[in-house]
Amino acid sequence: MDLIRKKKKTVCLSIGDGANDVSMIQKANIGCGIIGLEGTQAVRASDFAFKEFSFFFFFFFFFKKKIEKEEIKI
């Protein structure tokens, strides 16, 4: 995550559903946690939480349209 952020100078979004994804979620600019069988550690470390992975797509396309219209500055 650090390498991508330094080399590309972009905004990074990470998605995780378990304890092994916590560090990745914390290092990203935008972290999304999914409540899953592995527990809620990723949800506690994330900026946004989702009950199911399919809900993430609604979130992504909503913000994509807002960013394209430049209503949201990242």
C-alpha atoms as a PDB file:
ATOM      1  CA  MET A   1       0.000   0.000   0.000  1.00  0.00           C
ATOM      2  CA  ASP A   2       2.788   2.429   0.875  1.00  0.00           C
ATOM      3  CA  LEU A   3       4.619   1.725  -2.374  1.00  0.00           C
ATOM      4  CA  ILE A   4       1.544   2.422  -4.498  1.00  0.00           C
ATOM      5  CA  ARG A   5       0.744   5.634  -2.642  1.00  0.00           C
ATOM      6  CA  LYS A   6       4.312   6.957  -3.016  1.00  0.00           C
ATOM      7  CA  LYS A   7       4.956   5.951  -6.632  1.00  0.00           C
ATOM      8  CA  LYS A   8       1.578   6.713  -8.185  1.00  0.00           C
ATOM      9  CA  LYS A   9       0.449   9.525  -5.842  1.00  0.00           C
ATOM     10  CA  THR A  10      -3.123   8.295  -5.997  1.00  0.00           C
ATOM     11  CA  VAL A  11      -5.941   7.726  -3.556  1.00  0.00           C
ATOM     12  CA  CYS A  12      -6.041   4.116  -2.379  1.00  0.00           C
ATOM     13  CA  LEU A  13      -9.168   2.249  -1.368  1.00  0.00           C
ATOM     14  CA  SER A  14      -8.944  -1.105   0.380  1.00  0.00           C
ATOM     15  CA  ILE A  15     -11.602  -3.683   1.166  1.00  0.00           C
ATOM     16  CA  GLY A  16     -11.286  -6.350   3.822  1.00  0.00           C
ATOM     17  CA  ASP A  17     -13.374  -8.751   5.848  1.00  0.00           C
ATOM     18  CA  GLY A  18     -11.083 -10.181   8.510  1.00  0.00           C
ATOM     19  CA  ALA A  19      -8.319  -9.573  11.018  1.00  0.00           C
ATOM     20  CA  ASN A  20      -5.620 -10.132   8.394  1.00  0.00           C
ATOM     21  CA  ASP A  21      -6.895  -7.100   6.423  1.00  0.00           C
ATOM     22  CA  VAL A  22      -6.760  -4.576   9.283  1.00  0.00           C
ATOM     23  CA  SER A  23      -3.299  -3.159   8.506  1.00  0.00           C
ATOM     24  CA  MET A  24      -4.169  -2.775   4.814  1.00  0.00           C
ATOM     25  CA  ILE A  25      -7.396  -0.938   5.689  1.00  0.00           C
ATOM     26  CA  GLN A  26      -5.599   1.389   8.091  1.00  0.00           C
ATOM     27  CA  LYS A  27      -2.897   2.340   5.573  1.00  0.00           C
ATOM     28  CA  ALA A  28      -5.351   3.120   2.763  1.00  0.00           C
ATOM     29  CA  ASN A  29      -6.897   6.547   2.272  1.00  0.00           C
ATOM     30  CA  ILE A  30     -10.353   4.980   2.293  1.00  0.00           C
ATOM     31  CA  GLY A  31     -10.924   1.710   4.137  1.00  0.00           C
ATOM     32  CA  CYS A  32     -14.017  -0.447   3.726  1.00  0.00           C
ATOM     33  CA  GLY A  33     -14.797  -3.315   6.054  1.00  0.00           C
ATOM     34  CA  ILE A  34     -17.241  -6.113   5.357  1.00  0.00           C
ATOM     35  CA  ILE A  35     -18.909  -7.946   8.215  1.00  0.00           C
ATOM     36  CA  GLY A  36     -18.045 -11.571   7.627  1.00  0.00           C
ATOM     37  CA  LEU A  37     -17.445 -14.947   9.154  1.00  0.00           C
ATOM     38  CA  GLU A  38     -13.968 -13.953  10.326  1.00  0.00           C
ATOM     39  CA  GLY A  39     -15.331 -11.391  12.750  1.00  0.00           C
ATOM     40  CA  THR A  40     -15.613  -7.633  12.935  1.00  0.00           C
ATOM     41  CA  GLN A  41     -11.962  -6.553  13.287  1.00  0.00           C
ATOM     42  CA  ALA A  42     -11.900  -5.139   9.742  1.00  0.00           C
ATOM     43  CA  VAL A  43     -15.134  -3.244  10.342  1.00  0.00           C
ATOM     44  CA  ARG A  44     -13.742  -1.617  13.488  1.00  0.00           C
ATOM     45  CA  ALA A  45     -10.628  -0.456  11.611  1.00  0.00           C
ATOM     46  CA  SER A  46     -12.464   0.820   8.521  1.00  0.00           C
ATOM     47  CA  ASP A  47     -13.923   4.164   7.488  1.00  0.00           C
ATOM     48  CA  PHE A  48     -17.037   2.546   6.018  1.00  0.00           C
ATOM     49  CA  ALA A  49     -18.695  -0.749   6.944  1.00  0.00           C
ATOM     50  CA  PHE A  50     -20.911  -3.000   4.839  1.00  0.00           C
ATOM     51  CA  LYS A  51     -23.026  -5.966   5.756  1.00  0.00           C
ATOM     52  CA  GLU A  52     -22.584  -7.644   2.364  1.00  0.00           C
ATOM     53  CA  PHE A  53     -20.034  -7.222  -0.399  1.00  0.00           C
ATOM     54  CA  SER A  54     -22.786  -6.396  -2.903  1.00  0.00           C
ATOM     55  CA  PHE A  55     -23.610  -3.214  -0.943  1.00  0.00           C
ATOM     56  CA  PHE A  56     -20.118  -1.937  -1.702  1.00  0.00           C
ATOM     57  CA  PHE A  57     -20.967  -1.500  -5.397  1.00  0.00           C
ATOM     58  CA  PHE A  58     -23.745   0.994  -4.602  1.00  0.00           C
ATOM     59  CA  PHE A  59     -21.299   2.941  -2.460  1.00  0.00           C
ATOM     60  CA  PHE A  60     -18.573   2.865  -5.121  1.00  0.00           C
ATOM     61  CA  PHE A  61     -20.747   4.032  -8.000  1.00  0.00           C
ATOM     62  CA  PHE A  62     -22.346   6.772  -5.881  1.00  0.00           C
ATOM     63  CA  PHE A  63     -18.960   8.259  -4.980  1.00  0.00           C
ATOM     64  CA  LYS A  64     -17.588   7.717  -8.481  1.00  0.00           C
ATOM     65  CA  LYS A  65     -20.329   9.913  -9.921  1.00  0.00           C
ATOM     66  CA  LYS A  66     -19.779  12.548  -7.240  1.00  0.00           C
ATOM     67  CA  ILE A  67     -16.023  12.627  -7.889  1.00  0.00           C
ATOM     68  CA  GLU A  68     -16.540  12.873 -11.661  1.00  0.00           C
ATOM     69  CA  LYS A  69     -18.826  15.867 -11.093  1.00  0.00           C
ATOM     70  CA  GLU A  70     -16.142  17.252  -8.745  1.00  0.00           C
ATOM     71  CA  GLU A  71     -18.592  17.585  -5.890  1.00  0.00           C
ATOM     72  CA  ILE A  72     -16.171  15.708  -3.654  1.00  0.00           C
ATOM     73  CA  LYS A  73     -12.486  16.611  -3.386  1.00  0.00           C
ATOM     74  CA  ILE A  74     -10.204  13.828  -2.207  1.00  0.00           C
END
